[in-house]
Amino acid sequence: MTSTVLILICAIVKVWSEDGAGKVVEIPADMTARDVCQLLVYKSHCVDDNAWTLVEHHPVLGLERCVEDHELVVQVQASMSSDSKFLFRKNYAKYEFFRNPLNFFPEHMVALCHESDGSIPQSQLLQNFLNSSSCPEIQGFLYVKEPGRKSWKKLYMFLRRSGLYYSTKGTSKEPRHLQLLSDLEDSNIYTIITGRKLHNAPADFQFCIKPNKARSDCKELKMLCAEDEQSRTCWMTAFRLLKYGIVLYQNYSVPLQRKANNSSFPGPVRSVSENSLVAMDFSGRTGRVIDNPVEAQSAALEEGQTWRKRTHRMNVLGSPSPLHPSSMNTVIHRTQVWFHGRIMREEAHKMILQQGQVDGLFLLRDSQSNPKAFVLTLCHHQKIKHFQILPVEEDGQVFFSLDDGATKFTDLIHLVEFYQLNRGVLPCKLKHPCTAVAL
C-alpha cells in the first residue's frame, strides 16, 4: 500500500505600508495578489472595499506597478531584484475603466488595426479589447528615450496585441513602415516615479515597459513619455487589457458577485460610499428619501443649524466630558482615515496620484499658509485641485467653511459628510477617501 504526500511550497513575503512599517507573511506558492490583499485587510482590521492592491516597487529603477489580482505573488517576487519590495496601497482606478470607459479611451486614439481609418464604436469599445479575436489598437504620438542617451524622440506609435510598434515614416501604419519596440507577453508596464528631471523627459507623464527578465538593468527598459495624463492613462490601460483580456474582467466582476451574494449581511456602520449616503426626512412617522437636490441641501443646512444650537447649549450648560465640545470639534477629524495632518502639498499630490486619480478621490490636511485653516485636496477629471477650508467665527463659536461662510459646519467630519451628499462649490462630490493603513 502506497501513500501520496502533497507538499505545498510556501514563501516568505514582506509587505510595506505607506508609513514605512512592514509585515512579514508566509504564503503558499499558489496565493494570488488578491488573496494576499484580503489577508492583509483582515490582519490590519481595515474595510475591504476591493480597492486594496499590492504594488511592485523598484526604488533603484524608479518604477512601480499594481500587481494584477490574479498574479501569483511568489512568481512576481522571483522576478524582482533584491532592493525591490511590495507596498500595500489603495488604487481606486484599478478597474475604473470598466465603469467609465469613455474617460479612459479618447476616440481619436482608438482604431481597428486592419483598417487604415476604422474607428471602434464607443458601445463596443471594451468588448473589442476583451475579445481575443478582435484587433483594436491605440495610436498616437509618444516620446521614446533613445538607448544610452538622454535625448527623446517623438514617434507615432501603435499598440496592438502583438506588441508596441512605431512608424518609420510619419503616421503610416503600412507593415513595411512598422518596427516592433516591445512585446506584451513577456513584459509589464510601469509608472516612472522619479520625476522628469532624472531622465530629462519632455513632460511629467512618463511610463516604461520592462521585460520580466530584466531585474535591475536600465538598458532593457523602454522609456516612454506621453504629452498629458489622459494619453498616458490610455496607453497603460490598453496595455493591461490587450495583455490579459477577459481575465481582467473576471478580476473586476468576482468581488461584485461575492458582494451581491453576501448582500444580506450588514456592511460597515459608517460607509463613505456615495450610494449609501442619502438625504432623509424624519419629520413624519417614517423616514423619507429626499430626491430633490435643492430640498436635500436645505435639509442639510437646517440640520447644521440644529447641530450648532445643540452644541451651543452644551457649551453654556457645561459638559460632563473632560474634553469640552468646542475643543473636540477642532480635533475630532484627526480620527478619520481621510485626514493626513501636516503633510506638504506635494505629498498630498503624490498620494492622490498613487491611489488612482478617479473623480471624487480626496483627502484633508493642515494648511501650510494658515495655521488655523485646512485644505481639501480633490481629484476631478484626472486633475488635482486644492480648496482651502477657513475657520469662521459666529456668536463666539468657530465653524468651518469652503465657501467663505455661506455654508458653515461645526467640524470637518460634518463638512466632509455634507460634500459627500452635495457637490456645492466643488467640481464633484467627495467619494473616495485617500487613506493610508498601518500594517
Protein backbone atom coordinates (compact mmCIF):
# COMPACT_ATOMS: atom_id res chain seq x y z
CA MET A 1 0.00 0.00 0.00
CA THR A 2 1.44 3.34 -1.01
CA SER A 3 0.53 6.81 0.13
CA THR A 4 0.89 10.12 -1.65
CA VAL A 5 2.29 13.09 0.23
CA LEU A 6 1.36 16.53 -1.06
CA ILE A 7 3.92 19.23 -0.34
CA LEU A 8 2.76 22.82 -0.69
CA ILE A 9 5.74 25.13 -1.07
CA CYS A 10 5.46 28.33 0.95
CA ALA A 11 7.36 31.57 0.68
CA ILE A 12 8.11 34.47 2.98
CA VAL A 13 6.90 37.83 1.64
CA LYS A 14 7.39 41.20 3.29
CA VAL A 15 4.88 43.91 2.52
CA TRP A 16 5.34 47.58 3.38
CA SER A 17 2.70 50.19 4.21
CA GLU A 18 2.69 53.90 3.38
CA ASP A 19 4.08 54.83 6.81
CA GLY A 20 7.22 52.71 6.29
CA ALA A 21 6.16 49.80 8.51
CA GLY A 22 6.49 46.26 7.20
CA LYS A 23 4.69 43.00 7.83
CA VAL A 24 6.09 39.56 7.08
CA VAL A 25 3.60 36.97 5.85
CA GLU A 26 4.09 33.34 4.94
CA ILE A 27 2.07 32.42 1.87
CA PRO A 28 1.67 29.29 -0.29
CA ALA A 29 3.01 29.27 -3.83
CA ASP A 30 -0.48 29.42 -5.36
CA MET A 31 -1.61 32.55 -3.47
CA THR A 32 -2.70 35.42 -5.70
CA ALA A 33 -2.24 39.14 -5.13
CA ARG A 34 -5.93 39.48 -4.27
CA ASP A 35 -5.63 36.71 -1.65
CA VAL A 36 -2.65 38.47 -0.06
CA CYS A 37 -4.55 41.78 -0.01
CA GLN A 38 -7.52 40.15 1.70
CA LEU A 39 -5.18 38.60 4.25
CA LEU A 40 -3.61 41.99 4.99
CA VAL A 41 -7.03 43.63 5.19
CA TYR A 42 -8.04 41.04 7.78
CA LYS A 43 -4.83 41.39 9.80
CA SER A 44 -4.93 45.21 9.68
CA HIS A 45 -8.65 45.46 10.57
CA CYS A 46 -9.48 47.76 7.67
CA VAL A 47 -12.53 47.76 5.41
CA ASP A 48 -12.26 45.58 2.31
CA ASP A 49 -13.74 47.72 -0.47
CA ASN A 50 -11.88 45.88 -3.28
CA ALA A 51 -9.61 48.88 -3.82
CA TRP A 52 -6.58 47.48 -1.98
CA THR A 53 -3.70 46.32 -4.13
CA LEU A 54 -0.14 45.08 -3.98
CA VAL A 55 2.33 47.44 -5.62
CA GLU A 56 5.59 46.18 -7.11
CA HIS A 57 8.04 48.94 -6.19
CA HIS A 58 11.57 49.32 -7.64
CA PRO A 59 13.33 52.23 -5.86
CA VAL A 60 16.62 51.99 -7.81
CA LEU A 61 14.91 51.94 -11.21
CA GLY A 62 12.29 54.43 -10.02
CA LEU A 63 9.38 52.25 -11.20
CA GLU A 64 6.22 50.78 -9.78
CA ARG A 65 3.10 48.99 -10.93
CA CYS A 66 0.00 47.49 -9.36
CA VAL A 67 0.23 43.70 -9.39
CA GLU A 68 -2.84 42.25 -11.11
CA ASP A 69 -5.25 40.46 -8.75
CA HIS A 70 -4.79 37.08 -10.46
CA GLU A 71 -0.98 37.11 -10.48
CA LEU A 72 0.85 34.69 -8.18
CA VAL A 73 2.80 36.72 -5.65
CA VAL A 74 5.62 34.16 -5.35
CA GLN A 75 6.22 34.33 -9.10
CA VAL A 76 6.23 38.13 -9.11
CA GLN A 77 8.67 38.19 -6.19
CA ALA A 78 11.00 35.82 -8.06
CA SER A 79 11.30 38.34 -10.91
CA MET A 80 12.12 41.26 -8.56
CA SER A 81 15.60 42.44 -7.60
CA SER A 82 16.86 42.41 -4.01
CA ASP A 83 16.19 46.12 -3.49
CA SER A 84 12.59 45.90 -4.72
CA LYS A 85 9.60 45.46 -2.42
CA PHE A 86 5.83 45.12 -2.21
CA LEU A 87 3.69 48.03 -0.99
CA PHE A 88 0.13 47.71 0.33
CA ARG A 89 -1.91 50.59 -1.05
CA LYS A 90 -5.31 51.56 -2.35
CA ASN A 91 -5.89 52.05 -6.05
CA TYR A 92 -9.41 53.21 -6.86
CA ALA A 93 -8.67 53.36 -10.60
CA LYS A 94 -7.71 49.69 -10.91
CA TYR A 95 -10.98 48.79 -12.68
CA GLU A 96 -12.50 52.22 -13.20
CA PHE A 97 -12.28 51.79 -17.00
CA PHE A 98 -14.98 49.10 -16.79
CA ARG A 99 -17.32 51.63 -15.19
CA ASN A 100 -16.39 54.70 -17.25
CA PRO A 101 -14.59 53.55 -20.43
CA LEU A 102 -15.14 56.82 -22.29
CA ASN A 103 -12.96 58.65 -19.74
CA PHE A 104 -10.05 56.31 -20.44
CA PHE A 105 -10.08 55.96 -24.21
CA PRO A 106 -10.27 59.19 -26.24
CA GLU A 107 -11.98 58.50 -29.55
CA HIS A 108 -9.06 59.76 -31.65
CA MET A 109 -6.65 57.25 -30.01
CA VAL A 110 -8.66 54.05 -30.63
CA ALA A 111 -8.92 52.31 -34.03
CA LEU A 112 -9.08 48.93 -35.75
CA CYS A 113 -5.64 47.87 -36.92
CA HIS A 114 -6.85 46.14 -40.10
CA GLU A 115 -8.41 49.38 -41.36
CA SER A 116 -6.45 52.49 -42.07
CA ASP A 117 -9.05 54.81 -40.56
CA GLY A 118 -11.61 52.46 -38.99
CA SER A 119 -12.76 53.61 -35.58
CA ILE A 120 -14.43 51.48 -32.91
CA PRO A 121 -17.98 52.40 -31.82
CA GLN A 122 -17.89 53.54 -28.21
CA SER A 123 -20.57 51.00 -27.27
CA GLN A 124 -18.27 48.16 -28.40
CA LEU A 125 -15.04 49.62 -27.05
CA LEU A 126 -14.38 47.24 -24.16
CA GLN A 127 -15.80 44.21 -25.98
CA ASN A 128 -13.14 44.65 -28.65
CA PHE A 129 -10.37 44.72 -26.05
CA LEU A 130 -11.74 41.68 -24.18
CA ASN A 131 -12.41 39.63 -27.31
CA SER A 132 -9.17 37.92 -28.36
CA SER A 133 -10.37 37.60 -31.98
CA SER A 134 -10.80 41.36 -32.49
CA CYS A 135 -7.93 43.70 -33.35
CA PRO A 136 -8.22 47.04 -31.57
CA GLU A 137 -5.23 49.34 -31.31
CA ILE A 138 -4.18 52.52 -29.58
CA GLN A 139 -2.46 55.07 -31.79
CA GLY A 140 -0.80 58.40 -31.21
CA PHE A 141 2.47 60.23 -30.62
CA LEU A 142 4.81 59.23 -27.80
CA TYR A 143 8.27 60.34 -26.83
CA VAL A 144 10.77 57.48 -26.73
CA LYS A 145 14.08 57.73 -24.88
CA GLU A 146 16.92 56.75 -27.13
CA PRO A 147 19.03 53.88 -25.68
CA GLY A 148 22.19 55.05 -23.92
CA ARG A 149 21.35 58.73 -24.46
CA LYS A 150 19.46 61.46 -22.61
CA SER A 151 17.59 62.62 -25.71
CA TRP A 152 13.98 61.72 -26.53
CA LYS A 153 12.48 61.17 -29.97
CA LYS A 154 8.84 61.81 -30.85
CA LEU A 155 7.35 58.90 -32.81
CA TYR A 156 3.92 57.80 -33.95
CA MET A 157 3.12 54.58 -32.07
CA PHE A 158 0.65 51.71 -32.40
CA LEU A 159 -0.22 49.38 -29.53
CA ARG A 160 -1.65 46.01 -30.63
CA ARG A 161 -2.00 42.54 -29.14
CA SER A 162 1.26 41.57 -30.82
CA GLY A 163 3.19 44.46 -29.27
CA LEU A 164 4.05 48.15 -29.36
CA TYR A 165 5.20 49.44 -32.76
CA TYR A 166 6.48 52.75 -34.07
CA SER A 167 6.24 54.10 -37.60
CA THR A 168 9.43 54.85 -39.50
CA LYS A 169 7.52 57.14 -41.86
CA GLY A 170 5.35 59.75 -40.18
CA THR A 171 1.98 58.30 -39.18
CA SER A 172 1.97 55.48 -41.72
CA LYS A 173 0.75 52.10 -40.47
CA GLU A 174 1.78 50.11 -43.51
CA PRO A 175 3.56 46.91 -42.41
CA ARG A 176 6.82 47.90 -44.16
CA HIS A 177 6.94 51.11 -42.09
CA LEU A 178 6.31 49.49 -38.67
CA GLN A 179 9.08 48.47 -36.28
CA LEU A 180 8.46 46.45 -33.10
CA LEU A 181 9.56 48.29 -29.96
CA SER A 182 8.33 45.80 -27.34
CA ASP A 183 6.09 42.79 -26.98
CA LEU A 184 3.35 42.43 -24.34
CA GLU A 185 3.60 38.76 -23.44
CA ASP A 186 6.90 38.82 -21.53
CA SER A 187 6.77 42.43 -20.32
CA ASN A 188 4.90 44.62 -17.87
CA ILE A 189 4.08 48.31 -17.91
CA TYR A 190 5.24 50.60 -15.07
CA THR A 191 4.81 54.18 -13.96
CA ILE A 192 8.06 56.14 -13.61
CA ILE A 193 8.07 57.80 -10.19
CA THR A 194 11.43 59.60 -10.18
CA GLY A 195 10.25 62.76 -11.94
CA ARG A 196 11.09 64.20 -15.33
CA LYS A 197 14.46 65.74 -14.39
CA LEU A 198 16.27 62.43 -13.81
CA HIS A 199 15.63 61.21 -17.35
CA ASN A 200 15.44 64.68 -18.93
CA ALA A 201 11.90 63.83 -20.04
CA PRO A 202 9.91 66.31 -22.16
CA ALA A 203 6.85 66.04 -19.86
CA ASP A 204 5.76 64.68 -16.47
CA PHE A 205 3.75 61.77 -17.88
CA GLN A 206 6.39 59.06 -18.06
CA PHE A 207 5.96 55.29 -18.10
CA CYS A 208 8.03 52.35 -19.28
CA ILE A 209 7.85 48.76 -20.46
CA LYS A 210 10.13 46.38 -18.59
CA PRO A 211 10.85 42.82 -19.70
CA ASN A 212 10.17 40.32 -16.92
CA LYS A 213 13.74 39.01 -17.14
CA ALA A 214 15.26 42.46 -16.58
CA ARG A 215 15.67 42.86 -12.83
CA SER A 216 17.93 45.88 -12.43
CA ASP A 217 19.24 46.64 -15.92
CA CYS A 218 18.11 50.08 -17.11
CA LYS A 219 19.37 49.34 -20.63
CA GLU A 220 16.49 46.95 -21.32
CA LEU A 221 13.79 49.38 -20.22
CA LYS A 222 11.69 51.02 -22.93
CA MET A 223 11.26 54.55 -21.56
CA LEU A 224 8.19 56.40 -22.87
CA CYS A 225 6.52 59.73 -22.23
CA ALA A 226 3.05 60.99 -23.14
CA GLU A 227 2.04 64.62 -23.61
CA ASP A 228 -0.73 64.58 -20.98
CA GLU A 229 -2.19 62.42 -18.22
CA GLN A 230 -5.18 61.23 -20.25
CA SER A 231 -2.90 59.88 -23.00
CA ARG A 232 -0.62 58.11 -20.54
CA THR A 233 -3.62 56.52 -18.80
CA CYS A 234 -4.99 55.38 -22.15
CA TRP A 235 -1.72 53.71 -23.22
CA MET A 236 -1.21 51.98 -19.87
CA THR A 237 -4.82 50.80 -19.54
CA ALA A 238 -4.85 49.44 -23.08
CA PHE A 239 -1.59 47.56 -22.41
CA ARG A 240 -3.25 45.76 -19.47
CA LEU A 241 -6.41 44.99 -21.46
CA LEU A 242 -4.58 43.70 -24.52
CA LYS A 243 -2.25 41.56 -22.42
CA TYR A 244 -4.77 39.99 -20.03
CA GLY A 245 -8.12 40.43 -21.81
CA ILE A 246 -11.08 38.69 -20.21
CA VAL A 247 -9.04 37.82 -17.10
CA LEU A 248 -9.16 41.48 -16.06
CA TYR A 249 -12.93 41.49 -16.35
CA GLN A 250 -13.11 38.38 -14.20
CA ASN A 251 -10.89 40.09 -11.61
CA TYR A 252 -13.31 43.03 -11.65
CA SER A 253 -16.55 41.03 -11.53
CA VAL A 254 -15.71 38.37 -8.90
CA PRO A 255 -15.83 40.79 -5.91
CA LEU A 256 -19.06 42.29 -7.23
CA GLN A 257 -20.67 38.86 -7.43
CA ARG A 258 -19.39 38.00 -3.97
CA LYS A 259 -20.83 41.24 -2.62
CA ALA A 260 -24.20 40.52 -4.26
CA ASN A 261 -24.26 37.03 -2.73
CA ASN A 262 -23.49 38.45 0.72
CA SER A 263 -25.91 41.36 0.45
CA SER A 264 -27.91 40.02 3.41
CA PHE A 265 -25.01 40.76 5.75
CA PRO A 266 -24.81 44.28 7.18
CA GLY A 267 -21.99 46.49 5.93
CA PRO A 268 -19.93 48.99 7.89
CA VAL A 269 -21.93 51.27 10.15
CA ARG A 270 -20.40 54.37 8.63
CA SER A 271 -19.74 53.90 4.94
CA VAL A 272 -18.26 56.54 2.67
CA SER A 273 -19.96 55.10 -0.39
CA GLU A 274 -21.92 57.67 -2.35
CA ASN A 275 -24.73 55.13 -2.77
CA SER A 276 -25.17 54.71 0.98
CA LEU A 277 -25.31 58.42 1.81
CA VAL A 278 -28.74 59.83 1.03
CA ALA A 279 -30.67 62.77 2.39
CA MET A 280 -33.55 61.68 4.67
CA ASP A 281 -36.58 63.42 6.11
CA PHE A 282 -37.64 62.05 9.53
CA SER A 283 -40.33 64.65 10.28
CA GLY A 284 -43.13 62.11 9.72
CA ARG A 285 -43.75 58.70 11.25
CA THR A 286 -41.41 57.00 8.79
CA GLY A 287 -38.25 58.14 7.05
CA ARG A 288 -38.44 59.54 3.53
CA VAL A 289 -35.60 59.79 1.00
CA ILE A 290 -35.25 63.34 -0.30
CA ASP A 291 -34.73 63.14 -4.07
CA ASN A 292 -34.88 66.86 -4.88
CA PRO A 293 -31.30 68.21 -4.61
CA VAL A 294 -32.50 71.69 -3.58
CA GLU A 295 -34.62 70.23 -0.78
CA ALA A 296 -31.72 67.97 0.23
CA GLN A 297 -29.38 70.93 0.56
CA SER A 298 -31.94 72.87 2.60
CA ALA A 299 -32.37 69.86 4.89
CA ALA A 300 -28.61 69.56 5.35
CA LEU A 301 -28.30 73.26 6.20
CA GLU A 302 -31.20 73.01 8.64
CA GLU A 303 -29.54 70.01 10.28
CA GLY A 304 -26.34 72.02 10.61
CA GLN A 305 -28.21 74.89 12.30
CA THR A 306 -29.83 72.45 14.75
CA TRP A 307 -26.46 70.85 15.48
CA ARG A 308 -24.89 74.25 16.16
CA LYS A 309 -27.72 75.25 18.52
CA ARG A 310 -27.40 71.96 20.41
CA THR A 311 -23.63 72.39 20.68
CA HIS A 312 -24.09 75.97 21.87
CA ARG A 313 -26.45 74.84 24.65
CA MET A 314 -23.86 72.23 25.71
CA ASN A 315 -21.24 74.97 25.86
CA VAL A 316 -23.44 77.10 28.11
CA LEU A 317 -24.56 74.30 30.43
CA GLY A 318 -21.16 72.64 30.58
CA SER A 319 -20.22 69.16 29.55
CA PRO A 320 -19.54 66.15 31.76
CA SER A 321 -16.86 65.10 29.31
CA PRO A 322 -13.27 66.06 30.24
CA LEU A 323 -12.88 67.37 26.68
CA HIS A 324 -15.01 70.44 26.02
CA PRO A 325 -17.28 70.10 22.95
CA SER A 326 -15.84 73.19 21.28
CA SER A 327 -12.36 71.76 21.72
CA MET A 328 -13.48 68.38 20.42
CA ASN A 329 -14.78 69.99 17.22
CA THR A 330 -11.28 71.18 16.40
CA VAL A 331 -9.59 67.78 16.82
CA ILE A 332 -12.21 65.08 16.13
CA HIS A 333 -11.27 64.94 12.43
CA ARG A 334 -7.87 63.52 13.40
CA THR A 335 -9.59 60.15 13.93
CA GLN A 336 -10.67 59.98 10.27
CA VAL A 337 -8.89 57.99 7.55
CA TRP A 338 -9.09 60.93 5.13
CA PHE A 339 -7.19 63.35 7.40
CA HIS A 340 -3.42 63.39 6.97
CA GLY A 341 -2.25 66.19 9.23
CA ARG A 342 0.73 68.35 8.34
CA ILE A 343 1.71 66.85 5.02
CA MET A 344 3.03 69.11 2.29
CA ARG A 345 1.09 70.00 -0.86
CA GLU A 346 3.49 67.86 -2.91
CA GLU A 347 2.91 64.84 -0.65
CA ALA A 348 -0.87 65.22 -0.95
CA HIS A 349 -0.49 65.43 -4.73
CA LYS A 350 1.65 62.27 -4.73
CA MET A 351 -0.89 60.31 -2.63
CA ILE A 352 -3.75 61.19 -4.99
CA LEU A 353 -1.64 60.12 -7.97
CA GLN A 354 -0.75 56.82 -6.33
CA GLN A 355 -4.32 55.95 -5.41
CA GLY A 356 -5.83 56.29 -8.84
CA GLN A 357 -6.84 59.81 -9.88
CA VAL A 358 -10.55 58.94 -10.07
CA ASP A 359 -13.26 61.56 -9.68
CA GLY A 360 -14.02 62.25 -6.03
CA LEU A 361 -10.77 60.92 -4.57
CA PHE A 362 -9.92 63.29 -1.70
CA LEU A 363 -8.00 63.98 1.49
CA LEU A 364 -7.86 66.75 4.08
CA ARG A 365 -4.70 68.21 5.56
CA ASP A 366 -3.47 71.13 7.64
CA SER A 367 -2.90 74.34 5.72
CA GLN A 368 0.74 75.37 5.29
CA SER A 369 -0.04 79.07 4.89
CA ASN A 370 -2.70 79.46 7.62
CA PRO A 371 -2.21 77.54 10.90
CA LYS A 372 -5.94 77.78 11.70
CA ALA A 373 -7.14 76.57 8.29
CA PHE A 374 -7.25 73.26 6.44
CA VAL A 375 -7.01 72.19 2.80
CA LEU A 376 -9.21 69.79 0.84
CA THR A 377 -7.25 68.07 -1.94
CA LEU A 378 -9.62 66.65 -4.57
CA CYS A 379 -9.27 64.85 -7.90
CA HIS A 380 -11.60 65.63 -10.80
CA HIS A 381 -11.12 64.73 -14.48
CA GLN A 382 -7.59 63.48 -13.68
CA LYS A 383 -6.63 66.89 -12.31
CA ILE A 384 -5.78 67.56 -8.67
CA LYS A 385 -7.24 70.67 -7.09
CA HIS A 386 -6.84 72.23 -3.65
CA PHE A 387 -9.57 74.07 -1.74
CA GLN A 388 -8.93 76.00 1.46
CA ILE A 389 -11.22 75.40 4.45
CA LEU A 390 -11.31 78.54 6.57
CA PRO A 391 -12.44 78.98 10.18
CA VAL A 392 -15.44 81.28 10.58
CA GLU A 393 -16.42 82.71 13.98
CA GLU A 394 -20.08 83.24 14.81
CA ASP A 395 -21.54 84.04 18.25
CA GLY A 396 -18.25 83.13 19.87
CA GLN A 397 -18.03 79.72 18.22
CA VAL A 398 -15.74 78.60 15.42
CA PHE A 399 -17.15 76.91 12.31
CA PHE A 400 -15.51 75.66 9.12
CA SER A 401 -16.39 76.70 5.59
CA LEU A 402 -15.32 76.05 1.99
CA ASP A 403 -17.32 78.94 0.52
CA ASP A 404 -16.39 81.99 2.59
CA GLY A 405 -19.01 81.31 5.26
CA ALA A 406 -22.03 80.68 3.01
CA THR A 407 -22.17 77.08 4.29
CA LYS A 408 -20.73 76.51 7.78
CA PHE A 409 -20.03 73.33 9.73
CA THR A 410 -19.20 72.66 13.37
CA ASP A 411 -16.40 70.25 12.50
CA LEU A 412 -14.63 68.75 9.49
CA ILE A 413 -16.47 65.43 9.72
CA HIS A 414 -19.77 67.25 9.22
CA LEU A 415 -18.23 69.19 6.32
CA VAL A 416 -17.00 66.02 4.59
CA GLU A 417 -20.33 64.24 5.03
CA PHE A 418 -22.18 67.22 3.56
CA TYR A 419 -19.96 67.28 0.44
CA GLN A 420 -20.33 63.52 0.05
CA LEU A 421 -24.03 64.27 -0.49
CA ASN A 422 -23.82 67.65 -2.22
CA ARG A 423 -21.34 68.96 -4.75
CA GLY A 424 -21.82 72.55 -3.63
CA VAL A 425 -18.91 74.74 -4.75
CA LEU A 426 -16.79 71.69 -5.60
CA PRO A 427 -16.43 70.25 -9.13
CA CYS A 428 -17.72 66.86 -7.90
CA LYS A 429 -18.88 65.12 -4.72
CA LEU A 430 -16.39 63.61 -2.30
CA LYS A 431 -16.43 59.88 -2.97
CA HIS A 432 -13.19 58.01 -2.20
CA PRO A 433 -11.07 58.85 0.87
CA CYS A 434 -7.35 58.77 0.21
CA THR A 435 -6.23 56.52 3.06
CA ALA A 436 -3.02 55.04 4.41
CA VAL A 437 -3.14 51.90 6.52
CA ALA A 438 -0.66 50.93 9.23
CA LEU A 439 0.32 47.26 8.95
